[in-house]
């Protein structure tokens, strides 16, 4: 699918494709998961051993210098709507590769950052989505350790989605009588019974101690909710 297309070169041809530059632990896992979910992936890495490891696992994988603008154009990277820079060990290469994508006018760029200054530079050059896996995992782990939370997903600076068990004060009563949103400032949006599937919360839904629930709201309030006794 990928490669130069002199006659039909257009971003429309890449509508369901993503280029992933750097196939290390982060980029490789991301590329594999994209493929698993039906998205075509062009993988680019400087290491021939890495390229061979992903040969046959991605739509296309090539050994190339992603900091070279001419090389990226030859690979039609300038036609992609979505791109990921997963380079982590070489900050200069990461910034150069990301700057090429910005110059191409790629509408959606994700880039891995390994330090706060690295993240700041990526943001300054125009990368829309900067990911710091170690920092993000540390933040998530802190919330799991401090509170009775099974999973924590930050949505914004002060807003989160958490998975937890129902606090005792809201068990065995219809949800519409509890007024959780008005009283506690959070929304209980879904429930999973033991051995069951996730289902949306209905007005008459009652929760039990062996259920799991999804709760959204301001971070401090969802944490307080998870610790209710």
C-alpha atoms as a PDB file:
ATOM      1  CA  UNK A   1       0.000   0.000   0.000  1.00  0.00           C
ATOM      2  CA  UNK A   2       2.702   2.462   0.934  1.00  0.00           C
ATOM      3  CA  UNK A   3       5.359   4.132  -1.153  1.00  0.00           C
ATOM      4  CA  UNK A   4       5.474   6.975  -3.662  1.00  0.00           C
ATOM      5  CA  UNK A   5       2.282   7.329  -5.718  1.00  0.00           C
ATOM      6  CA  UNK A   6       3.013   9.813  -8.548  1.00  0.00           C
ATOM      7  CA  UNK A   7      -0.466   9.706 -10.056  1.00  0.00           C
ATOM      8  CA  UNK A   8      -2.604   9.198  -6.994  1.00  0.00           C
ATOM      9  CA  UNK A   9      -0.578  10.897  -4.297  1.00  0.00           C
ATOM     10  CA  UNK A  10      -3.126  12.242  -1.840  1.00  0.00           C
ATOM     11  CA  UNK A  11      -3.827  12.178   1.837  1.00  0.00           C
ATOM     12  CA  UNK A  12      -7.150  10.488   1.084  1.00  0.00           C
ATOM     13  CA  UNK A  13      -5.208   7.337   0.197  1.00  0.00           C
ATOM     14  CA  UNK A  14      -3.756   7.341   3.709  1.00  0.00           C
ATOM     15  CA  UNK A  15      -7.033   8.013   5.525  1.00  0.00           C
ATOM     16  CA  UNK A  16      -6.839   4.802   7.567  1.00  0.00           C
ATOM     17  CA  UNK A  17      -3.072   4.679   7.884  1.00  0.00           C
ATOM     18  CA  UNK A  18      -0.526   5.808  10.466  1.00  0.00           C
ATOM     19  CA  UNK A  19       3.220   6.228  10.123  1.00  0.00           C
ATOM     20  CA  UNK A  20       5.153   5.229  13.229  1.00  0.00           C
ATOM     21  CA  UNK A  21       8.720   6.510  13.390  1.00  0.00           C
ATOM     22  CA  UNK A  22      10.820   4.599  15.900  1.00  0.00           C
ATOM     23  CA  UNK A  23       9.831   1.024  16.708  1.00  0.00           C
ATOM     24  CA  UNK A  24      11.240   0.690  20.204  1.00  0.00           C
ATOM     25  CA  UNK A  25       9.229  -0.445  23.193  1.00  0.00           C
ATOM     26  CA  UNK A  26       6.689   2.390  22.900  1.00  0.00           C
ATOM     27  CA  UNK A  27       6.469   2.739  19.120  1.00  0.00           C
ATOM     28  CA  UNK A  28       6.543  -0.994  18.504  1.00  0.00           C
ATOM     29  CA  UNK A  29       3.733  -1.734  20.953  1.00  0.00           C
ATOM     30  CA  UNK A  30       1.678   1.137  19.541  1.00  0.00           C
ATOM     31  CA  UNK A  31       2.198   0.015  15.936  1.00  0.00           C
ATOM     32  CA  UNK A  32       1.274  -3.581  16.748  1.00  0.00           C
ATOM     33  CA  UNK A  33      -1.892  -2.514  18.548  1.00  0.00           C
ATOM     34  CA  UNK A  34      -2.911  -0.276  15.628  1.00  0.00           C
ATOM     35  CA  UNK A  35      -2.539  -3.236  13.266  1.00  0.00           C
ATOM     36  CA  UNK A  36      -4.558  -5.435  15.614  1.00  0.00           C
ATOM     37  CA  UNK A  37      -7.367  -2.889  15.400  1.00  0.00           C
ATOM     38  CA  UNK A  38      -7.407  -2.724  11.610  1.00  0.00           C
ATOM     39  CA  UNK A  39      -5.249   0.349  10.953  1.00  0.00           C
ATOM     40  CA  UNK A  40      -2.541   0.179   8.283  1.00  0.00           C
ATOM     41  CA  UNK A  41       0.897   1.075   9.634  1.00  0.00           C
ATOM     42  CA  UNK A  42       4.091   2.204   7.956  1.00  0.00           C
ATOM     43  CA  UNK A  43       6.906   1.574  10.421  1.00  0.00           C
ATOM     44  CA  UNK A  44      10.222   3.419  10.108  1.00  0.00           C
ATOM     45  CA  UNK A  45      13.368   2.679  12.132  1.00  0.00           C
ATOM     46  CA  UNK A  46      17.118   3.117  11.711  1.00  0.00           C
ATOM     47  CA  UNK A  47      17.968  -0.279  13.190  1.00  0.00           C
ATOM     48  CA  UNK A  48      17.926  -3.125  10.650  1.00  0.00           C
ATOM     49  CA  UNK A  49      17.449  -5.689  13.438  1.00  0.00           C
ATOM     50  CA  UNK A  50      14.313  -3.876  14.611  1.00  0.00           C
ATOM     51  CA  UNK A  51      13.021  -3.617  11.041  1.00  0.00           C
ATOM     52  CA  UNK A  52      13.454  -7.360  10.546  1.00  0.00           C
ATOM     53  CA  UNK A  53      11.629  -8.050  13.813  1.00  0.00           C
ATOM     54  CA  UNK A  54       8.562  -6.187  12.554  1.00  0.00           C
ATOM     55  CA  UNK A  55       8.709  -7.476   8.992  1.00  0.00           C
ATOM     56  CA  UNK A  56       5.360  -9.131   8.260  1.00  0.00           C
ATOM     57  CA  UNK A  57       3.769  -7.700  11.394  1.00  0.00           C
ATOM     58  CA  UNK A  58       3.078  -4.245   9.942  1.00  0.00           C
ATOM     59  CA  UNK A  59       1.630  -3.207   6.591  1.00  0.00           C
ATOM     60  CA  UNK A  60       5.095  -1.991   5.635  1.00  0.00           C
ATOM     61  CA  UNK A  61       8.316  -1.469   7.563  1.00  0.00           C
ATOM     62  CA  UNK A  62      11.478   0.184   6.277  1.00  0.00           C
ATOM     63  CA  UNK A  63      14.963   1.047   7.494  1.00  0.00           C
ATOM     64  CA  UNK A  64      15.375   4.780   6.964  1.00  0.00           C
ATOM     65  CA  UNK A  65      16.669   7.998   8.487  1.00  0.00           C
ATOM     66  CA  UNK A  66      13.485   9.774   9.608  1.00  0.00           C
ATOM     67  CA  UNK A  67      15.380  13.036  10.166  1.00  0.00           C
ATOM     68  CA  UNK A  68      15.998  13.344   6.399  1.00  0.00           C
ATOM     69  CA  UNK A  69      13.154  15.265   4.738  1.00  0.00           C
ATOM     70  CA  UNK A  70      13.878  13.852   1.263  1.00  0.00           C
ATOM     71  CA  UNK A  71      13.804  10.282   2.575  1.00  0.00           C
ATOM     72  CA  UNK A  72      10.442  10.872   4.263  1.00  0.00           C
ATOM     73  CA  UNK A  73       9.006  12.323   1.051  1.00  0.00           C
ATOM     74  CA  UNK A  74      10.241   9.286  -0.891  1.00  0.00           C
ATOM     75  CA  UNK A  75       8.300   7.121   1.580  1.00  0.00           C
ATOM     76  CA  UNK A  76       5.186   9.330   1.078  1.00  0.00           C
ATOM     77  CA  UNK A  77       5.226  10.231   4.764  1.00  0.00           C
ATOM     78  CA  UNK A  78       4.191  13.758   3.741  1.00  0.00           C
ATOM     79  CA  UNK A  79       0.820  12.279   2.645  1.00  0.00           C
ATOM     80  CA  UNK A  80      -0.175  10.820   6.026  1.00  0.00           C
ATOM     81  CA  UNK A  81      -2.893  12.394   8.175  1.00  0.00           C
ATOM     82  CA  UNK A  82      -1.596  10.731  11.351  1.00  0.00           C
ATOM     83  CA  UNK A  83       1.945  10.191  12.522  1.00  0.00           C
ATOM     84  CA  UNK A  84       3.712   9.011  15.666  1.00  0.00           C
ATOM     85  CA  UNK A  85       7.300   9.778  16.638  1.00  0.00           C
ATOM     86  CA  UNK A  86       8.284   7.030  19.047  1.00  0.00           C
ATOM     87  CA  UNK A  87      12.018   7.806  19.134  1.00  0.00           C
ATOM     88  CA  UNK A  88      13.111   7.939  22.752  1.00  0.00           C
ATOM     89  CA  UNK A  89      16.855   7.352  22.978  1.00  0.00           C
ATOM     90  CA  UNK A  90      17.914  10.228  20.690  1.00  0.00           C
ATOM     91  CA  UNK A  91      16.229  13.530  21.590  1.00  0.00           C
ATOM     92  CA  UNK A  92      17.767  15.370  18.636  1.00  0.00           C
ATOM     93  CA  UNK A  93      16.472  12.775  16.169  1.00  0.00           C
ATOM     94  CA  UNK A  94      13.047  12.893  17.811  1.00  0.00           C
ATOM     95  CA  UNK A  95      12.834  16.679  17.463  1.00  0.00           C
ATOM     96  CA  UNK A  96      14.113  16.662  13.872  1.00  0.00           C
ATOM     97  CA  UNK A  97      11.678  13.929  12.792  1.00  0.00           C
ATOM     98  CA  UNK A  98       8.788  15.728  14.477  1.00  0.00           C
ATOM     99  CA  UNK A  99       9.762  19.028  12.837  1.00  0.00           C
ATOM    100  CA  UNK A 100       9.654  17.355   9.393  1.00  0.00           C
ATOM    101  CA  UNK A 101       6.113  16.167  10.082  1.00  0.00           C
ATOM    102  CA  UNK A 102       5.089  19.643  11.220  1.00  0.00           C
ATOM    103  CA  UNK A 103       6.590  21.096   8.033  1.00  0.00           C
ATOM    104  CA  UNK A 104       4.583  18.595   5.964  1.00  0.00           C
ATOM    105  CA  UNK A 105       1.424  19.929   7.609  1.00  0.00           C
ATOM    106  CA  UNK A 106       0.475  16.550   9.094  1.00  0.00           C
ATOM    107  CA  UNK A 107      -2.886  17.200  10.811  1.00  0.00           C
ATOM    108  CA  UNK A 108      -2.310  14.918  13.823  1.00  0.00           C
ATOM    109  CA  UNK A 109       1.117  14.204  15.308  1.00  0.00           C
ATOM    110  CA  UNK A 110       1.873  12.254  18.471  1.00  0.00           C
ATOM    111  CA  UNK A 111       5.396  12.205  19.882  1.00  0.00           C
ATOM    112  CA  UNK A 112       7.043  10.470  22.816  1.00  0.00           C
ATOM    113  CA  UNK A 113       8.971  12.691  25.219  1.00  0.00           C
ATOM    114  CA  UNK A 114      11.487  11.392  27.750  1.00  0.00           C
ATOM    115  CA  UNK A 115      12.044  14.615  29.725  1.00  0.00           C
ATOM    116  CA  UNK A 116      10.035  17.731  30.485  1.00  0.00           C
ATOM    117  CA  UNK A 117      12.322  19.976  28.353  1.00  0.00           C
ATOM    118  CA  UNK A 118      11.958  17.469  25.497  1.00  0.00           C
ATOM    119  CA  UNK A 119       8.174  17.660  25.839  1.00  0.00           C
ATOM    120  CA  UNK A 120       8.317  21.457  25.938  1.00  0.00           C
ATOM    121  CA  UNK A 121      10.330  21.654  22.711  1.00  0.00           C
ATOM    122  CA  UNK A 122       8.018  19.223  20.918  1.00  0.00           C
ATOM    123  CA  UNK A 123       5.041  21.353  21.917  1.00  0.00           C
ATOM    124  CA  UNK A 124       6.793  24.547  20.833  1.00  0.00           C
ATOM    125  CA  UNK A 125       7.530  23.252  17.325  1.00  0.00           C
ATOM    126  CA  UNK A 126       3.880  22.358  16.812  1.00  0.00           C
ATOM    127  CA  UNK A 127       3.373  18.732  17.908  1.00  0.00           C
ATOM    128  CA  UNK A 128      -0.275  18.466  18.972  1.00  0.00           C
ATOM    129  CA  UNK A 129      -0.016  15.410  21.232  1.00  0.00           C
ATOM    130  CA  UNK A 130       3.044  14.888  23.440  1.00  0.00           C
ATOM    131  CA  UNK A 131       3.199  11.662  25.443  1.00  0.00           C
ATOM    132  CA  UNK A 132       5.517  11.077  28.383  1.00  0.00           C
ATOM    133  CA  UNK A 133       4.975   7.369  29.183  1.00  0.00           C
ATOM    134  CA  UNK A 134       7.122   7.206  32.328  1.00  0.00           C
ATOM    135  CA  UNK A 135       5.704  10.399  33.816  1.00  0.00           C
ATOM    136  CA  UNK A 136       2.142   9.406  32.917  1.00  0.00           C
ATOM    137  CA  UNK A 137       2.591   5.938  34.429  1.00  0.00           C
ATOM    138  CA  UNK A 138       4.064   7.417  37.590  1.00  0.00           C
ATOM    139  CA  UNK A 139       1.095   9.765  37.970  1.00  0.00           C
ATOM    140  CA  UNK A 140      -1.351   6.916  37.394  1.00  0.00           C
ATOM    141  CA  UNK A 141       0.420   4.634  39.861  1.00  0.00           C
ATOM    142  CA  UNK A 142       0.328   7.333  42.550  1.00  0.00           C
ATOM    143  CA  UNK A 143      -3.463   7.543  42.285  1.00  0.00           C
ATOM    144  CA  UNK A 144      -3.790   3.751  42.459  1.00  0.00           C
ATOM    145  CA  UNK A 145      -1.594   3.577  45.547  1.00  0.00           C
ATOM    146  CA  UNK A 146      -3.241   6.420  47.471  1.00  0.00           C
ATOM    147  CA  UNK A 147      -6.874   5.560  46.853  1.00  0.00           C
ATOM    148  CA  UNK A 148      -9.173   2.562  46.464  1.00  0.00           C
ATOM    149  CA  UNK A 149      -9.003   2.906  42.690  1.00  0.00           C
ATOM    150  CA  UNK A 150      -8.552   0.002  40.293  1.00  0.00           C
ATOM    151  CA  UNK A 151      -7.678   2.152  37.289  1.00  0.00           C
ATOM    152  CA  UNK A 152      -7.136   5.863  36.692  1.00  0.00           C
ATOM    153  CA  UNK A 153      -7.303   7.736  33.375  1.00  0.00           C
ATOM    154  CA  UNK A 154      -6.643  11.509  33.379  1.00  0.00           C
ATOM    155  CA  UNK A 155      -8.944  13.221  30.875  1.00  0.00           C
ATOM    156  CA  UNK A 156      -7.714  16.775  31.418  1.00  0.00           C
ATOM    157  CA  UNK A 157      -5.611  18.691  33.933  1.00  0.00           C
ATOM    158  CA  UNK A 158      -8.260  18.329  36.642  1.00  0.00           C
ATOM    159  CA  UNK A 159     -10.697  15.753  35.286  1.00  0.00           C
ATOM    160  CA  UNK A 160     -10.480  11.973  35.355  1.00  0.00           C
ATOM    161  CA  UNK A 161     -12.170   8.651  34.680  1.00  0.00           C
ATOM    162  CA  UNK A 162     -11.684   5.996  37.358  1.00  0.00           C
ATOM    163  CA  UNK A 163     -12.634   2.360  37.798  1.00  0.00           C
ATOM    164  CA  UNK A 164     -13.407   1.343  41.372  1.00  0.00           C
ATOM    165  CA  UNK A 165     -15.768  -0.735  43.495  1.00  0.00           C
ATOM    166  CA  UNK A 166     -18.956   0.974  44.729  1.00  0.00           C
ATOM    167  CA  UNK A 167     -18.424   2.716  48.067  1.00  0.00           C
ATOM    168  CA  UNK A 168     -20.678   1.314  50.782  1.00  0.00           C
ATOM    169  CA  UNK A 169     -22.895   4.450  51.081  1.00  0.00           C
ATOM    170  CA  UNK A 170     -24.185   4.026  47.495  1.00  0.00           C
ATOM    171  CA  UNK A 171     -24.744   0.269  47.557  1.00  0.00           C
ATOM    172  CA  UNK A 172     -28.152  -1.407  47.299  1.00  0.00           C
ATOM    173  CA  UNK A 173     -30.119   1.753  46.557  1.00  0.00           C
ATOM    174  CA  UNK A 174     -31.525   2.862  43.156  1.00  0.00           C
ATOM    175  CA  UNK A 175     -29.127   5.323  41.543  1.00  0.00           C
ATOM    176  CA  UNK A 176     -31.840   7.905  40.826  1.00  0.00           C
ATOM    177  CA  UNK A 177     -32.511   8.232  44.578  1.00  0.00           C
ATOM    178  CA  UNK A 178     -28.857   8.836  45.453  1.00  0.00           C
ATOM    179  CA  UNK A 179     -28.343  12.090  43.505  1.00  0.00           C
ATOM    180  CA  UNK A 180     -24.636  11.291  43.280  1.00  0.00           C
ATOM    181  CA  UNK A 181     -23.882  14.006  40.762  1.00  0.00           C
ATOM    182  CA  UNK A 182     -25.589  16.751  42.788  1.00  0.00           C
ATOM    183  CA  UNK A 183     -24.321  15.584  46.187  1.00  0.00           C
ATOM    184  CA  UNK A 184     -20.781  14.508  45.302  1.00  0.00           C
ATOM    185  CA  UNK A 185     -20.014  16.212  41.977  1.00  0.00           C
ATOM    186  CA  UNK A 186     -19.262  13.013  40.042  1.00  0.00           C
ATOM    187  CA  UNK A 187     -21.102  10.824  37.545  1.00  0.00           C
ATOM    188  CA  UNK A 188     -21.329   7.029  37.784  1.00  0.00           C
ATOM    189  CA  UNK A 189     -21.581   6.061  34.122  1.00  0.00           C
ATOM    190  CA  UNK A 190     -21.226   2.260  33.882  1.00  0.00           C
ATOM    191  CA  UNK A 191     -21.234  -0.932  35.934  1.00  0.00           C
ATOM    192  CA  UNK A 192     -19.751  -4.392  35.434  1.00  0.00           C
ATOM    193  CA  UNK A 193     -21.230  -7.275  37.442  1.00  0.00           C
ATOM    194  CA  UNK A 194     -18.948 -10.223  38.359  1.00  0.00           C
ATOM    195  CA  UNK A 195     -18.424 -12.286  35.217  1.00  0.00           C
ATOM    196  CA  UNK A 196     -20.532  -9.857  33.185  1.00  0.00           C
ATOM    197  CA  UNK A 197     -19.990  -6.998  30.754  1.00  0.00           C
ATOM    198  CA  UNK A 198     -19.973  -3.253  31.161  1.00  0.00           C
ATOM    199  CA  UNK A 199     -23.450  -1.741  31.032  1.00  0.00           C
ATOM    200  CA  UNK A 200     -24.629   1.871  31.295  1.00  0.00           C
ATOM    201  CA  UNK A 201     -26.064   3.040  34.595  1.00  0.00           C
ATOM    202  CA  UNK A 202     -29.860   3.363  34.530  1.00  0.00           C
ATOM    203  CA  UNK A 203     -32.029   5.308  37.031  1.00  0.00           C
ATOM    204  CA  UNK A 204     -33.078   2.099  38.794  1.00  0.00           C
ATOM    205  CA  UNK A 205     -29.638   0.447  38.782  1.00  0.00           C
ATOM    206  CA  UNK A 206     -28.499  -0.805  42.190  1.00  0.00           C
ATOM    207  CA  UNK A 207     -24.849  -1.435  42.983  1.00  0.00           C
ATOM    208  CA  UNK A 208     -23.263  -4.133  45.161  1.00  0.00           C
ATOM    209  CA  UNK A 209     -19.884  -4.580  46.816  1.00  0.00           C
ATOM    210  CA  UNK A 210     -18.592  -7.038  44.210  1.00  0.00           C
ATOM    211  CA  UNK A 211     -19.427  -4.754  41.236  1.00  0.00           C
ATOM    212  CA  UNK A 212     -16.981  -2.523  39.421  1.00  0.00           C
ATOM    213  CA  UNK A 213     -18.027   0.941  38.262  1.00  0.00           C
ATOM    214  CA  UNK A 214     -16.717   3.746  36.048  1.00  0.00           C
ATOM    215  CA  UNK A 215     -16.863   7.228  37.548  1.00  0.00           C
ATOM    216  CA  UNK A 216     -16.045  10.576  35.928  1.00  0.00           C
ATOM    217  CA  UNK A 217     -15.569  14.034  37.406  1.00  0.00           C
ATOM    218  CA  UNK A 218     -12.999  16.442  38.803  1.00  0.00           C
ATOM    219  CA  UNK A 219      -9.973  14.446  39.961  1.00  0.00           C
ATOM    220  CA  UNK A 220     -10.223  15.378  43.639  1.00  0.00           C
ATOM    221  CA  UNK A 221     -13.917  14.530  43.722  1.00  0.00           C
ATOM    222  CA  UNK A 222     -13.631  11.103  42.072  1.00  0.00           C
ATOM    223  CA  UNK A 223     -10.812  10.270  44.504  1.00  0.00           C
ATOM    224  CA  UNK A 224     -12.949  11.377  47.435  1.00  0.00           C
ATOM    225  CA  UNK A 225     -15.860   9.328  46.053  1.00  0.00           C
ATOM    226  CA  UNK A 226     -13.747   6.162  45.789  1.00  0.00           C
ATOM    227  CA  UNK A 227     -12.808   6.482  49.478  1.00  0.00           C
ATOM    228  CA  UNK A 228     -16.302   7.011  50.874  1.00  0.00           C
ATOM    229  CA  UNK A 229     -17.051   4.873  53.909  1.00  0.00           C
END
